[in-house]
Amino acid sequence: IRYTQENYTEAEKFYEQALISTKNISLSQQTSPWISIFLNYASCLRKLKKYDAALIFYDKARILDPNYIEEIQINIGLIYLYQEKYGKAIESLEAAIAINPRNEVSRTLLQDAMELWCVDMNVEKDDLLDSKLEFQGSSLEEIENLKLGWVLVCGFGF
């Protein structure tokens, strides 16, 4: 209830208590009721921006029940987007799309991740290009080759 009310701090406490009760149950017995606790707790942690902890519980849920892999991959991709780890986000979202190519959420997030990755690479490229021009006096031909490489990788020019 606290989670649906967007009271994530209180929901986190509830999920922690629920997880304590699972400690005496073997992993093979932790099925449907427990998978929802793991997934909801991970989502709660994501909402609280406790990304590393959320990733741990998404991984536990993935091990516990492979039926939720698509949802888990999307959420992991979202966390990596928030952390600006665009390469990892792309990998996770591509895995989700491999499971269900028609999922519009994963397709949209993948497109966003790819665009952000290219922008991020473009910023790094600009910094690298500036340093080459300023400190190394690269030839115009080397600079054009560098630009061509980035056009091929990111799909857009300067």
C-alpha atoms as a PDB file:
ATOM      1  CA  ILE A   1       0.000   0.000   0.000  1.00  0.00           C
ATOM      2  CA  ARG A   2       2.799   2.423   0.891  1.00  0.00           C
ATOM      3  CA  TYR A   3       4.448   1.820  -2.480  1.00  0.00           C
ATOM      4  CA  THR A   4       1.279   2.591  -4.441  1.00  0.00           C
ATOM      5  CA  GLN A   5       0.854   5.719  -2.305  1.00  0.00           C
ATOM      6  CA  GLU A   6       4.383   6.711  -3.372  1.00  0.00           C
ATOM      7  CA  ASN A   7       5.540   6.623   0.243  1.00  0.00           C
ATOM      8  CA  TYR A   8       8.733   4.808  -0.711  1.00  0.00           C
ATOM      9  CA  THR A   9      10.549   5.302   2.594  1.00  0.00           C
ATOM     10  CA  GLU A  10       7.756   3.539   4.499  1.00  0.00           C
ATOM     11  CA  ALA A  11       7.454   0.917   1.773  1.00  0.00           C
ATOM     12  CA  GLU A  12      11.179   0.222   2.057  1.00  0.00           C
ATOM     13  CA  LYS A  13      10.741  -0.571   5.763  1.00  0.00           C
ATOM     14  CA  PHE A  14       7.861  -2.926   4.975  1.00  0.00           C
ATOM     15  CA  TYR A  15       9.863  -4.782   2.317  1.00  0.00           C
ATOM     16  CA  GLU A  16      12.838  -5.087   4.653  1.00  0.00           C
ATOM     17  CA  GLN A  17      10.592  -6.744   7.234  1.00  0.00           C
ATOM     18  CA  ALA A  18       9.165  -9.050   4.595  1.00  0.00           C
ATOM     19  CA  LEU A  19      12.674 -10.027   3.509  1.00  0.00           C
ATOM     20  CA  ILE A  20      13.658 -10.825   7.064  1.00  0.00           C
ATOM     21  CA  SER A  21      10.830 -13.355   7.131  1.00  0.00           C
ATOM     22  CA  THR A  22      12.253 -15.060   3.999  1.00  0.00           C
ATOM     23  CA  LYS A  23      15.643 -15.784   5.573  1.00  0.00           C
ATOM     24  CA  ASN A  24      14.453 -19.095   7.055  1.00  0.00           C
ATOM     25  CA  ILE A  25      12.961 -20.300   3.782  1.00  0.00           C
ATOM     26  CA  SER A  26      15.156 -22.111   1.279  1.00  0.00           C
ATOM     27  CA  LEU A  27      15.593 -20.513  -2.121  1.00  0.00           C
ATOM     28  CA  SER A  28      13.791 -23.411  -3.802  1.00  0.00           C
ATOM     29  CA  GLN A  29      10.690 -22.630  -1.726  1.00  0.00           C
ATOM     30  CA  GLN A  30      10.747 -18.904  -2.526  1.00  0.00           C
ATOM     31  CA  THR A  31       8.397 -18.759  -5.473  1.00  0.00           C
ATOM     32  CA  SER A  32       5.546 -16.446  -6.446  1.00  0.00           C
ATOM     33  CA  PRO A  33       4.902 -14.623  -3.165  1.00  0.00           C
ATOM     34  CA  TRP A  34       8.583 -13.958  -2.635  1.00  0.00           C
ATOM     35  CA  ILE A  35       9.406 -12.925  -6.187  1.00  0.00           C
ATOM     36  CA  SER A  36       6.913 -10.070  -5.933  1.00  0.00           C
ATOM     37  CA  ILE A  37       8.569  -8.920  -2.697  1.00  0.00           C
ATOM     38  CA  PHE A  38      12.002  -8.958  -4.354  1.00  0.00           C
ATOM     39  CA  LEU A  39      10.751  -7.106  -7.445  1.00  0.00           C
ATOM     40  CA  ASN A  40       8.746  -4.539  -5.506  1.00  0.00           C
ATOM     41  CA  TYR A  41      11.587  -3.952  -3.057  1.00  0.00           C
ATOM     42  CA  ALA A  42      14.003  -3.443  -5.949  1.00  0.00           C
ATOM     43  CA  SER A  43      11.573  -0.996  -7.569  1.00  0.00           C
ATOM     44  CA  CYS A  44      11.170   0.822  -4.266  1.00  0.00           C
ATOM     45  CA  LEU A  45      14.947   1.128  -3.934  1.00  0.00           C
ATOM     46  CA  ARG A  46      15.107   2.430  -7.513  1.00  0.00           C
ATOM     47  CA  LYS A  47      12.525   5.096  -6.666  1.00  0.00           C
ATOM     48  CA  LEU A  48      14.620   6.055  -3.623  1.00  0.00           C
ATOM     49  CA  LYS A  49      17.676   6.318  -5.928  1.00  0.00           C
ATOM     50  CA  LYS A  50      19.427   3.483  -4.092  1.00  0.00           C
ATOM     51  CA  TYR A  51      20.509   2.092  -7.414  1.00  0.00           C
ATOM     52  CA  ASP A  52      23.242  -0.323  -6.357  1.00  0.00           C
ATOM     53  CA  ALA A  53      20.980  -1.990  -3.800  1.00  0.00           C
ATOM     54  CA  ALA A  54      18.149  -2.145  -6.345  1.00  0.00           C
ATOM     55  CA  LEU A  55      20.443  -3.906  -8.828  1.00  0.00           C
ATOM     56  CA  ILE A  56      21.249  -6.548  -6.208  1.00  0.00           C
ATOM     57  CA  PHE A  57      17.584  -7.347  -5.654  1.00  0.00           C
ATOM     58  CA  TYR A  58      16.785  -7.372  -9.364  1.00  0.00           C
ATOM     59  CA  ASP A  59      19.596  -9.913  -9.749  1.00  0.00           C
ATOM     60  CA  LYS A  60      18.178 -12.014  -6.897  1.00  0.00           C
ATOM     61  CA  ALA A  61      14.747 -11.907  -8.516  1.00  0.00           C
ATOM     62  CA  ARG A  62      16.229 -12.923 -11.867  1.00  0.00           C
ATOM     63  CA  ILE A  63      17.815 -15.979 -10.246  1.00  0.00           C
ATOM     64  CA  LEU A  64      14.676 -16.808  -8.307  1.00  0.00           C
ATOM     65  CA  ASP A  65      12.237 -16.800 -11.205  1.00  0.00           C
ATOM     66  CA  PRO A  66      13.209 -16.508 -14.880  1.00  0.00           C
ATOM     67  CA  ASN A  67       9.617 -15.670 -15.837  1.00  0.00           C
ATOM     68  CA  TYR A  68      10.262 -12.016 -14.977  1.00  0.00           C
ATOM     69  CA  ILE A  69      13.484 -11.508 -16.913  1.00  0.00           C
ATOM     70  CA  GLU A  70      11.994  -9.054 -19.407  1.00  0.00           C
ATOM     71  CA  GLU A  71      10.653  -6.782 -16.652  1.00  0.00           C
ATOM     72  CA  ILE A  72      13.898  -7.084 -14.716  1.00  0.00           C
ATOM     73  CA  GLN A  73      16.048  -6.237 -17.754  1.00  0.00           C
ATOM     74  CA  ILE A  74      13.949  -3.127 -18.419  1.00  0.00           C
ATOM     75  CA  ASN A  75      14.297  -1.963 -14.814  1.00  0.00           C
ATOM     76  CA  ILE A  76      18.036  -2.634 -14.792  1.00  0.00           C
ATOM     77  CA  GLY A  77      18.332  -0.673 -18.031  1.00  0.00           C
ATOM     78  CA  LEU A  78      16.419   2.188 -16.450  1.00  0.00           C
ATOM     79  CA  ILE A  79      18.773   2.217 -13.461  1.00  0.00           C
ATOM     80  CA  TYR A  80      21.793   2.318 -15.756  1.00  0.00           C
ATOM     81  CA  LEU A  81      20.186   5.236 -17.614  1.00  0.00           C
ATOM     82  CA  TYR A  82      19.783   7.102 -14.326  1.00  0.00           C
ATOM     83  CA  GLN A  83      23.415   6.334 -13.488  1.00  0.00           C
ATOM     84  CA  GLU A  84      24.485   7.560 -16.946  1.00  0.00           C
ATOM     85  CA  LYS A  85      25.984   4.129 -17.715  1.00  0.00           C
ATOM     86  CA  TYR A  86      24.595   4.156 -21.213  1.00  0.00           C
ATOM     87  CA  GLY A  87      26.535   1.169 -22.557  1.00  0.00           C
ATOM     88  CA  LYS A  88      25.206  -1.065 -19.775  1.00  0.00           C
ATOM     89  CA  ALA A  89      21.706   0.348 -20.254  1.00  0.00           C
ATOM     90  CA  ILE A  90      21.867  -0.528 -23.936  1.00  0.00           C
ATOM     91  CA  GLU A  91      22.960  -4.105 -23.151  1.00  0.00           C
ATOM     92  CA  SER A  92      20.165  -4.603 -20.641  1.00  0.00           C
ATOM     93  CA  LEU A  93      17.487  -3.116 -22.872  1.00  0.00           C
ATOM     94  CA  GLU A  94      18.663  -5.133 -25.871  1.00  0.00           C
ATOM     95  CA  ALA A  95      18.294  -8.253 -23.710  1.00  0.00           C
ATOM     96  CA  ALA A  96      14.710  -7.217 -22.896  1.00  0.00           C
ATOM     97  CA  ILE A  97      13.953  -6.632 -26.575  1.00  0.00           C
ATOM     98  CA  ALA A  98      15.397 -10.039 -27.464  1.00  0.00           C
ATOM     99  CA  ILE A  99      12.743 -11.534 -25.171  1.00  0.00           C
ATOM    100  CA  ASN A 100       9.895  -9.386 -26.469  1.00  0.00           C
ATOM    101  CA  PRO A 101      10.653  -7.289 -29.567  1.00  0.00           C
ATOM    102  CA  ARG A 102       7.204  -5.655 -29.426  1.00  0.00           C
ATOM    103  CA  ASN A 103       7.589  -4.068 -25.995  1.00  0.00           C
ATOM    104  CA  GLU A 104       7.359  -0.341 -26.696  1.00  0.00           C
ATOM    105  CA  VAL A 105       8.746   0.655 -23.289  1.00  0.00           C
ATOM    106  CA  SER A 106      12.000  -1.222 -23.813  1.00  0.00           C
ATOM    107  CA  ARG A 107      12.249  -0.025 -27.422  1.00  0.00           C
ATOM    108  CA  THR A 108      11.751   3.619 -26.402  1.00  0.00           C
ATOM    109  CA  LEU A 109      14.207   3.345 -23.520  1.00  0.00           C
ATOM    110  CA  LEU A 110      16.751   1.692 -25.829  1.00  0.00           C
ATOM    111  CA  GLN A 111      16.427   4.532 -28.310  1.00  0.00           C
ATOM    112  CA  ASP A 112      16.900   7.062 -25.489  1.00  0.00           C
ATOM    113  CA  ALA A 113      19.931   5.155 -24.183  1.00  0.00           C
ATOM    114  CA  MET A 114      21.516   5.058 -27.625  1.00  0.00           C
ATOM    115  CA  GLU A 115      20.944   8.761 -28.186  1.00  0.00           C
ATOM    116  CA  LEU A 116      22.359   9.629 -24.766  1.00  0.00           C
ATOM    117  CA  TRP A 117      25.333   7.340 -25.374  1.00  0.00           C
ATOM    118  CA  CYS A 118      26.063   9.121 -28.650  1.00  0.00           C
ATOM    119  CA  VAL A 119      25.736  12.537 -27.003  1.00  0.00           C
ATOM    120  CA  ASP A 120      28.009  11.371 -24.197  1.00  0.00           C
ATOM    121  CA  MET A 121      30.524  10.025 -26.704  1.00  0.00           C
ATOM    122  CA  ASN A 122      30.265  13.238 -28.685  1.00  0.00           C
ATOM    123  CA  VAL A 123      31.135  15.275 -25.570  1.00  0.00           C
ATOM    124  CA  GLU A 124      34.087  12.979 -24.882  1.00  0.00           C
ATOM    125  CA  LYS A 125      35.060  13.218 -28.538  1.00  0.00           C
ATOM    126  CA  ASP A 126      34.881  17.004 -28.431  1.00  0.00           C
ATOM    127  CA  ASP A 127      37.147  17.041 -25.383  1.00  0.00           C
ATOM    128  CA  LEU A 128      39.545  14.614 -27.064  1.00  0.00           C
ATOM    129  CA  LEU A 129      39.490  16.593 -30.292  1.00  0.00           C
ATOM    130  CA  ASP A 130      40.129  19.845 -28.434  1.00  0.00           C
ATOM    131  CA  SER A 131      43.066  18.304 -26.594  1.00  0.00           C
ATOM    132  CA  LYS A 132      44.525  16.919 -29.836  1.00  0.00           C
ATOM    133  CA  LEU A 133      44.233  20.291 -31.547  1.00  0.00           C
ATOM    134  CA  GLU A 134      45.547  22.227 -28.591  1.00  0.00           C
ATOM    135  CA  PHE A 135      48.350  19.995 -27.357  1.00  0.00           C
ATOM    136  CA  GLN A 136      49.402  17.694 -30.170  1.00  0.00           C
ATOM    137  CA  GLY A 137      48.852  19.774 -33.277  1.00  0.00           C
ATOM    138  CA  SER A 138      47.211  16.880 -35.163  1.00  0.00           C
ATOM    139  CA  SER A 139      47.019  17.135 -38.909  1.00  0.00           C
ATOM    140  CA  LEU A 140      43.766  18.068 -40.574  1.00  0.00           C
ATOM    141  CA  GLU A 141      43.644  14.581 -42.131  1.00  0.00           C
ATOM    142  CA  GLU A 142      43.845  12.888 -38.698  1.00  0.00           C
ATOM    143  CA  ILE A 143      41.078  15.120 -37.376  1.00  0.00           C
ATOM    144  CA  GLU A 144      38.833  14.316 -40.354  1.00  0.00           C
ATOM    145  CA  ASN A 145      39.462  10.574 -39.836  1.00  0.00           C
ATOM    146  CA  LEU A 146      38.512  10.938 -36.180  1.00  0.00           C
ATOM    147  CA  LYS A 147      35.312  12.749 -37.141  1.00  0.00           C
ATOM    148  CA  LEU A 148      34.462  10.080 -39.722  1.00  0.00           C
ATOM    149  CA  GLY A 149      34.838   7.398 -37.063  1.00  0.00           C
ATOM    150  CA  TRP A 150      32.378   9.163 -34.796  1.00  0.00           C
ATOM    151  CA  VAL A 151      29.894   9.633 -37.643  1.00  0.00           C
ATOM    152  CA  LEU A 152      30.010   5.874 -38.278  1.00  0.00           C
ATOM    153  CA  VAL A 153      29.593   5.032 -34.573  1.00  0.00           C
ATOM    154  CA  CYS A 154      26.903   7.543 -33.648  1.00  0.00           C
ATOM    155  CA  GLY A 155      25.189   8.054 -36.964  1.00  0.00           C
ATOM    156  CA  PHE A 156      25.407  11.819 -37.048  1.00  0.00           C
ATOM    157  CA  GLY A 157      27.909  14.430 -38.104  1.00  0.00           C
ATOM    158  CA  PHE A 158      29.271  17.668 -36.783  1.00  0.00           C
END
